[in-house]
Amino acid sequence: MTELTGEALDAWNKRERRMVLTTVDSAGTPNAIWILCARLGDDGRLVIANNAMHKTLENITNGCRGSLLYIAPEREAYQLKGRLEEHRSGPVFDDMKKWLNPDYPGRSAILMHIDAVFYGAVQLS
């Protein structure tokens, strides 16, 4: 697992609320969705609340990797890439329910094990 560099972490802390999560199906067809509810854990793992995922969950179940794009001030784009897994119960799910706004359903928690961090086309870690 890769940790965010200081630059990428600072950008994460100042990011715009909307982010884009991209997965691919078994035929290689991409699927991109808006993400609003995500949190970077102290252990460097990213947790995303599943509030209305359908195709994305199918792709995760089939073992695809994913990419999360977030935008920092000055329209700087950062991208996290890694392995995804769904948690419907247990510590990851329970923690997500603690920080998730109760107005959102939080059907499950998507955990990203970050393997690479990019700033534009430049790999930071």
N, C-alpha and C. Protein backbone atom coordinates (compact mmCIF):
# COMPACT_ATOMS: atom_id res chain seq x y z
N MET A 1 0.85 -1.18 0.00
CA MET A 1 0.00 0.00 0.00
C MET A 1 0.89 1.23 0.00
N THR A 2 0.48 2.24 -0.74
CA THR A 2 1.21 3.49 -0.88
C THR A 2 0.53 4.57 -0.05
N GLU A 3 1.33 5.38 0.61
CA GLU A 3 0.77 6.51 1.37
C GLU A 3 0.81 7.76 0.50
N LEU A 4 -0.09 8.67 0.78
CA LEU A 4 -0.10 9.93 0.06
C LEU A 4 1.12 10.75 0.43
N THR A 5 1.71 11.40 -0.55
CA THR A 5 2.81 12.31 -0.28
C THR A 5 2.26 13.54 0.43
N GLY A 6 3.14 14.36 0.99
CA GLY A 6 2.69 15.58 1.66
C GLY A 6 1.87 16.46 0.75
N GLU A 7 2.31 16.58 -0.50
CA GLU A 7 1.61 17.40 -1.50
C GLU A 7 0.21 16.85 -1.78
N ALA A 8 0.11 15.54 -1.98
CA ALA A 8 -1.19 14.93 -2.28
C ALA A 8 -2.11 14.96 -1.07
N LEU A 9 -1.54 14.81 0.12
CA LEU A 9 -2.33 14.86 1.35
C LEU A 9 -2.87 16.28 1.58
N ASP A 10 -2.02 17.28 1.35
CA ASP A 10 -2.47 18.66 1.48
C ASP A 10 -3.61 18.95 0.49
N ALA A 11 -3.45 18.47 -0.74
CA ALA A 11 -4.50 18.65 -1.75
C ALA A 11 -5.78 17.92 -1.33
N TRP A 12 -5.64 16.73 -0.74
CA TRP A 12 -6.81 15.98 -0.25
C TRP A 12 -7.57 16.79 0.79
N ASN A 13 -6.83 17.40 1.70
CA ASN A 13 -7.46 18.16 2.78
C ASN A 13 -8.14 19.43 2.29
N LYS A 14 -7.79 19.90 1.09
CA LYS A 14 -8.37 21.12 0.53
C LYS A 14 -9.24 20.84 -0.70
N ARG A 15 -9.52 19.59 -0.99
CA ARG A 15 -10.19 19.18 -2.23
C ARG A 15 -11.62 19.69 -2.31
N GLU A 16 -12.10 19.72 -3.55
CA GLU A 16 -13.52 19.98 -3.77
C GLU A 16 -14.31 18.78 -3.28
N ARG A 17 -15.55 18.99 -2.96
CA ARG A 17 -16.36 17.91 -2.38
C ARG A 17 -16.60 16.77 -3.37
N ARG A 18 -16.90 17.09 -4.61
CA ARG A 18 -17.20 16.06 -5.61
C ARG A 18 -15.92 15.43 -6.14
N MET A 19 -15.96 14.10 -6.22
CA MET A 19 -14.84 13.33 -6.77
C MET A 19 -15.42 12.32 -7.75
N VAL A 20 -14.55 11.69 -8.53
CA VAL A 20 -15.00 10.71 -9.52
C VAL A 20 -14.31 9.38 -9.23
N LEU A 21 -15.11 8.33 -9.08
CA LEU A 21 -14.59 6.98 -8.91
C LEU A 21 -14.83 6.23 -10.20
N THR A 22 -13.76 5.62 -10.73
CA THR A 22 -13.85 4.88 -11.98
C THR A 22 -13.47 3.43 -11.76
N THR A 23 -14.26 2.53 -12.33
CA THR A 23 -13.98 1.10 -12.33
C THR A 23 -14.17 0.61 -13.76
N VAL A 24 -13.85 -0.66 -14.01
CA VAL A 24 -14.10 -1.25 -15.33
C VAL A 24 -14.75 -2.62 -15.14
N ASP A 25 -15.57 -3.01 -16.12
CA ASP A 25 -16.18 -4.32 -16.04
C ASP A 25 -15.26 -5.37 -16.66
N SER A 26 -15.71 -6.62 -16.69
CA SER A 26 -14.87 -7.71 -17.17
C SER A 26 -14.52 -7.58 -18.65
N ALA A 27 -15.30 -6.80 -19.41
CA ALA A 27 -15.01 -6.57 -20.83
C ALA A 27 -14.13 -5.35 -21.04
N GLY A 28 -13.78 -4.66 -19.95
CA GLY A 28 -12.93 -3.47 -20.06
C GLY A 28 -13.71 -2.18 -20.27
N THR A 29 -15.02 -2.22 -20.14
CA THR A 29 -15.85 -1.02 -20.30
C THR A 29 -15.78 -0.19 -19.02
N PRO A 30 -15.36 1.07 -19.11
CA PRO A 30 -15.25 1.90 -17.91
C PRO A 30 -16.60 2.35 -17.38
N ASN A 31 -16.63 2.60 -16.09
CA ASN A 31 -17.81 3.14 -15.42
C ASN A 31 -17.31 4.20 -14.44
N ALA A 32 -17.84 5.41 -14.54
CA ALA A 32 -17.43 6.51 -13.67
C ALA A 32 -18.65 7.05 -12.94
N ILE A 33 -18.48 7.31 -11.63
CA ILE A 33 -19.58 7.84 -10.83
C ILE A 33 -19.06 8.98 -9.95
N TRP A 34 -19.99 9.88 -9.59
CA TRP A 34 -19.69 10.93 -8.62
C TRP A 34 -19.62 10.32 -7.23
N ILE A 35 -18.65 10.78 -6.46
CA ILE A 35 -18.50 10.39 -5.07
C ILE A 35 -18.52 11.67 -4.23
N LEU A 36 -19.30 11.66 -3.17
CA LEU A 36 -19.34 12.80 -2.25
C LEU A 36 -18.79 12.44 -0.88
N CYS A 37 -18.93 11.19 -0.48
CA CYS A 37 -18.62 10.79 0.90
C CYS A 37 -17.43 9.84 0.93
N ALA A 38 -16.27 10.37 1.25
CA ALA A 38 -15.06 9.55 1.34
C ALA A 38 -14.19 10.10 2.46
N ARG A 39 -13.41 9.21 3.04
CA ARG A 39 -12.53 9.62 4.13
C ARG A 39 -11.23 8.84 4.05
N LEU A 40 -10.14 9.56 4.25
CA LEU A 40 -8.82 8.94 4.28
C LEU A 40 -8.53 8.56 5.72
N GLY A 41 -8.32 7.27 5.96
CA GLY A 41 -8.07 6.79 7.31
C GLY A 41 -6.66 7.08 7.78
N ASP A 42 -6.45 6.97 9.07
CA ASP A 42 -5.13 7.18 9.65
C ASP A 42 -4.11 6.18 9.13
N ASP A 43 -4.60 5.03 8.69
CA ASP A 43 -3.71 3.99 8.17
C ASP A 43 -3.41 4.16 6.69
N GLY A 44 -3.88 5.26 6.07
CA GLY A 44 -3.60 5.54 4.67
C GLY A 44 -4.57 4.89 3.70
N ARG A 45 -5.57 4.17 4.21
CA ARG A 45 -6.56 3.57 3.34
C ARG A 45 -7.71 4.54 3.12
N LEU A 46 -8.30 4.46 1.97
CA LEU A 46 -9.41 5.33 1.61
C LEU A 46 -10.71 4.55 1.76
N VAL A 47 -11.69 5.15 2.44
CA VAL A 47 -13.00 4.53 2.59
C VAL A 47 -14.03 5.43 1.90
N ILE A 48 -14.83 4.81 1.04
CA ILE A 48 -15.86 5.50 0.28
C ILE A 48 -17.22 4.93 0.68
N ALA A 49 -18.16 5.80 0.99
CA ALA A 49 -19.49 5.33 1.34
C ALA A 49 -20.27 4.98 0.08
N ASN A 50 -20.83 3.78 0.07
CA ASN A 50 -21.70 3.36 -1.02
C ASN A 50 -23.11 3.82 -0.69
N ASN A 51 -23.54 4.85 -1.39
CA ASN A 51 -24.89 5.36 -1.17
C ASN A 51 -25.85 4.96 -2.29
N ALA A 52 -25.33 4.69 -3.46
CA ALA A 52 -26.20 4.32 -4.59
C ALA A 52 -25.38 3.70 -5.73
N MET A 53 -24.50 2.79 -5.43
CA MET A 53 -23.67 2.16 -6.46
C MET A 53 -24.35 0.90 -6.98
N HIS A 54 -24.26 0.69 -8.29
CA HIS A 54 -24.81 -0.52 -8.88
C HIS A 54 -23.75 -1.17 -9.77
N LYS A 55 -23.46 -0.55 -10.92
CA LYS A 55 -22.44 -1.10 -11.82
C LYS A 55 -21.08 -1.13 -11.12
N THR A 56 -20.80 -0.11 -10.34
CA THR A 56 -19.52 -0.05 -9.62
C THR A 56 -19.36 -1.26 -8.72
N LEU A 57 -20.41 -1.63 -7.99
CA LEU A 57 -20.34 -2.80 -7.10
C LEU A 57 -20.14 -4.09 -7.89
N GLU A 58 -20.79 -4.21 -9.04
CA GLU A 58 -20.58 -5.38 -9.88
C GLU A 58 -19.10 -5.47 -10.28
N ASN A 59 -18.53 -4.34 -10.67
CA ASN A 59 -17.14 -4.32 -11.08
C ASN A 59 -16.21 -4.68 -9.92
N ILE A 60 -16.49 -4.15 -8.74
CA ILE A 60 -15.67 -4.46 -7.56
C ILE A 60 -15.78 -5.94 -7.23
N THR A 61 -16.99 -6.49 -7.29
CA THR A 61 -17.20 -7.92 -7.02
C THR A 61 -16.41 -8.78 -8.00
N ASN A 62 -16.25 -8.30 -9.23
CA ASN A 62 -15.50 -9.04 -10.24
C ASN A 62 -13.99 -8.83 -10.14
N GLY A 63 -13.56 -8.07 -9.11
CA GLY A 63 -12.13 -7.94 -8.84
C GLY A 63 -11.41 -6.81 -9.56
N CYS A 64 -12.13 -5.85 -10.08
CA CYS A 64 -11.44 -4.76 -10.77
C CYS A 64 -10.74 -3.82 -9.79
N ARG A 65 -9.75 -3.14 -10.29
CA ARG A 65 -9.10 -2.07 -9.54
C ARG A 65 -9.86 -0.78 -9.85
N GLY A 66 -9.56 0.28 -9.12
CA GLY A 66 -10.27 1.52 -9.34
C GLY A 66 -9.36 2.73 -9.29
N SER A 67 -9.93 3.85 -9.66
CA SER A 67 -9.23 5.12 -9.66
C SER A 67 -10.16 6.19 -9.10
N LEU A 68 -9.66 6.99 -8.17
CA LEU A 68 -10.45 8.09 -7.62
C LEU A 68 -9.75 9.39 -7.99
N LEU A 69 -10.49 10.27 -8.67
CA LEU A 69 -9.98 11.57 -9.09
C LEU A 69 -10.53 12.63 -8.16
N TYR A 70 -9.64 13.45 -7.60
CA TYR A 70 -10.10 14.58 -6.79
C TYR A 70 -9.40 15.84 -7.25
N ILE A 71 -10.09 16.97 -7.06
CA ILE A 71 -9.61 18.26 -7.53
C ILE A 71 -9.29 19.14 -6.33
N ALA A 72 -8.09 19.69 -6.35
CA ALA A 72 -7.65 20.60 -5.29
C ALA A 72 -7.80 22.04 -5.79
N PRO A 73 -7.55 23.03 -4.89
CA PRO A 73 -7.62 24.42 -5.33
C PRO A 73 -6.75 24.66 -6.57
N GLU A 74 -7.09 25.65 -7.31
CA GLU A 74 -6.38 25.99 -8.56
C GLU A 74 -6.60 24.94 -9.63
N ARG A 75 -7.66 24.09 -9.45
CA ARG A 75 -8.07 23.07 -10.43
C ARG A 75 -6.97 22.02 -10.67
N GLU A 76 -6.20 21.71 -9.65
CA GLU A 76 -5.17 20.68 -9.75
C GLU A 76 -5.80 19.31 -9.56
N ALA A 77 -5.50 18.37 -10.45
CA ALA A 77 -6.11 17.04 -10.41
C ALA A 77 -5.14 16.02 -9.81
N TYR A 78 -5.64 15.27 -8.86
CA TYR A 78 -4.90 14.17 -8.24
C TYR A 78 -5.71 12.90 -8.44
N GLN A 79 -4.98 11.78 -8.55
CA GLN A 79 -5.65 10.51 -8.80
C GLN A 79 -5.04 9.43 -7.92
N LEU A 80 -5.90 8.69 -7.25
CA LEU A 80 -5.48 7.55 -6.44
C LEU A 80 -5.91 6.29 -7.16
N LYS A 81 -5.03 5.31 -7.24
CA LYS A 81 -5.36 4.05 -7.90
C LYS A 81 -5.10 2.91 -6.95
N GLY A 82 -5.97 1.90 -6.99
CA GLY A 82 -5.74 0.77 -6.11
C GLY A 82 -6.81 -0.29 -6.18
N ARG A 83 -6.62 -1.29 -5.36
CA ARG A 83 -7.54 -2.42 -5.25
C ARG A 83 -8.74 -2.00 -4.40
N LEU A 84 -9.92 -2.45 -4.80
CA LEU A 84 -11.16 -2.09 -4.11
C LEU A 84 -11.80 -3.33 -3.51
N GLU A 85 -12.42 -3.14 -2.34
CA GLU A 85 -13.20 -4.22 -1.74
C GLU A 85 -14.38 -3.61 -1.01
N GLU A 86 -15.48 -4.36 -1.00
CA GLU A 86 -16.70 -3.90 -0.35
C GLU A 86 -16.83 -4.52 1.04
N HIS A 87 -17.27 -3.71 2.01
CA HIS A 87 -17.53 -4.18 3.37
C HIS A 87 -18.96 -3.82 3.73
N ARG A 88 -19.77 -4.85 4.03
CA ARG A 88 -21.17 -4.65 4.42
C ARG A 88 -21.35 -4.73 5.93
N SER A 89 -20.30 -5.12 6.63
CA SER A 89 -20.31 -5.19 8.08
C SER A 89 -18.86 -5.19 8.54
N GLY A 90 -18.66 -5.16 9.85
CA GLY A 90 -17.31 -5.21 10.38
C GLY A 90 -16.74 -3.84 10.66
N PRO A 91 -15.45 -3.77 11.04
CA PRO A 91 -14.83 -2.52 11.48
C PRO A 91 -14.83 -1.41 10.44
N VAL A 92 -14.55 -1.73 9.17
CA VAL A 92 -14.52 -0.69 8.12
C VAL A 92 -15.91 -0.10 7.94
N PHE A 93 -16.92 -0.96 7.87
CA PHE A 93 -18.31 -0.51 7.72
C PHE A 93 -18.74 0.30 8.94
N ASP A 94 -18.44 -0.20 10.14
CA ASP A 94 -18.86 0.48 11.37
C ASP A 94 -18.23 1.87 11.46
N ASP A 95 -16.95 1.99 11.09
CA ASP A 95 -16.28 3.29 11.12
C ASP A 95 -16.92 4.25 10.12
N MET A 96 -17.23 3.76 8.91
CA MET A 96 -17.86 4.59 7.90
C MET A 96 -19.19 5.14 8.41
N LYS A 97 -19.96 4.31 9.09
CA LYS A 97 -21.25 4.75 9.61
C LYS A 97 -21.09 5.84 10.68
N LYS A 98 -19.95 5.86 11.38
CA LYS A 98 -19.71 6.89 12.40
C LYS A 98 -19.52 8.27 11.79
N TRP A 99 -18.79 8.36 10.65
CA TRP A 99 -18.53 9.67 10.08
C TRP A 99 -19.48 10.08 8.97
N LEU A 100 -20.26 9.13 8.43
CA LEU A 100 -21.17 9.44 7.34
C LEU A 100 -22.38 10.23 7.84
N ASN A 101 -22.72 11.26 7.11
CA ASN A 101 -23.91 12.06 7.42
C ASN A 101 -25.12 11.11 7.43
N PRO A 102 -25.94 11.14 8.48
CA PRO A 102 -27.07 10.22 8.57
C PRO A 102 -28.13 10.42 7.48
N ASP A 103 -28.04 11.51 6.74
CA ASP A 103 -28.96 11.71 5.62
C ASP A 103 -28.66 10.77 4.45
N TYR A 104 -27.46 10.16 4.44
CA TYR A 104 -27.06 9.24 3.38
C TYR A 104 -27.23 7.80 3.88
N PRO A 105 -27.61 6.89 2.97
CA PRO A 105 -27.91 5.52 3.42
C PRO A 105 -26.70 4.69 3.84
N GLY A 106 -25.54 4.91 3.25
CA GLY A 106 -24.36 4.14 3.62
C GLY A 106 -24.61 2.64 3.59
N ARG A 107 -24.98 2.14 2.43
CA ARG A 107 -25.32 0.72 2.29
C ARG A 107 -24.14 -0.21 2.54
N SER A 108 -22.95 0.26 2.18
CA SER A 108 -21.72 -0.49 2.43
C SER A 108 -20.55 0.49 2.35
N ALA A 109 -19.40 0.00 2.75
CA ALA A 109 -18.18 0.81 2.68
C ALA A 109 -17.25 0.20 1.64
N ILE A 110 -16.72 1.03 0.77
CA ILE A 110 -15.75 0.59 -0.23
C ILE A 110 -14.38 1.01 0.26
N LEU A 111 -13.51 0.04 0.40
CA LEU A 111 -12.16 0.28 0.88
C LEU A 111 -11.20 0.24 -0.30
N MET A 112 -10.41 1.30 -0.46
CA MET A 112 -9.39 1.32 -1.51
C MET A 112 -8.02 1.17 -0.85
N HIS A 113 -7.30 0.15 -1.29
CA HIS A 113 -5.90 -0.03 -0.89
C HIS A 113 -5.08 0.72 -1.94
N ILE A 114 -4.58 1.89 -1.61
CA ILE A 114 -3.92 2.77 -2.57
C ILE A 114 -2.57 2.19 -2.98
N ASP A 115 -2.41 2.00 -4.29
CA ASP A 115 -1.16 1.48 -4.86
C ASP A 115 -0.34 2.57 -5.54
N ALA A 116 -1.01 3.62 -6.00
CA ALA A 116 -0.30 4.68 -6.73
C ALA A 116 -1.04 6.00 -6.55
N VAL A 117 -0.27 7.09 -6.52
CA VAL A 117 -0.80 8.45 -6.39
C VAL A 117 -0.22 9.27 -7.54
N PHE A 118 -1.10 9.96 -8.26
CA PHE A 118 -0.68 10.77 -9.40
C PHE A 118 -1.11 12.22 -9.22
N TYR A 119 -0.30 13.12 -9.73
CA TYR A 119 -0.65 14.53 -9.90
C TYR A 119 -0.61 14.75 -11.40
N GLY A 120 -1.79 14.85 -12.02
CA GLY A 120 -1.83 14.87 -13.48
C GLY A 120 -1.25 13.56 -13.99
N ALA A 121 -0.27 13.64 -14.87
CA ALA A 121 0.36 12.44 -15.43
C ALA A 121 1.60 11.99 -14.64
N VAL A 122 1.96 12.75 -13.61
CA VAL A 122 3.18 12.46 -12.85
C VAL A 122 2.85 11.58 -11.65
N GLN A 123 3.53 10.43 -11.56
CA GLN A 123 3.32 9.55 -10.43
C GLN A 123 4.12 10.06 -9.24
N LEU A 124 3.42 10.33 -8.11
CA LEU A 124 4.07 10.85 -6.91
C LEU A 124 4.54 9.73 -5.99
N SER A 125 3.80 8.65 -5.96
CA SER A 125 4.20 7.49 -5.13
C SER A 125 3.52 6.25 -5.65
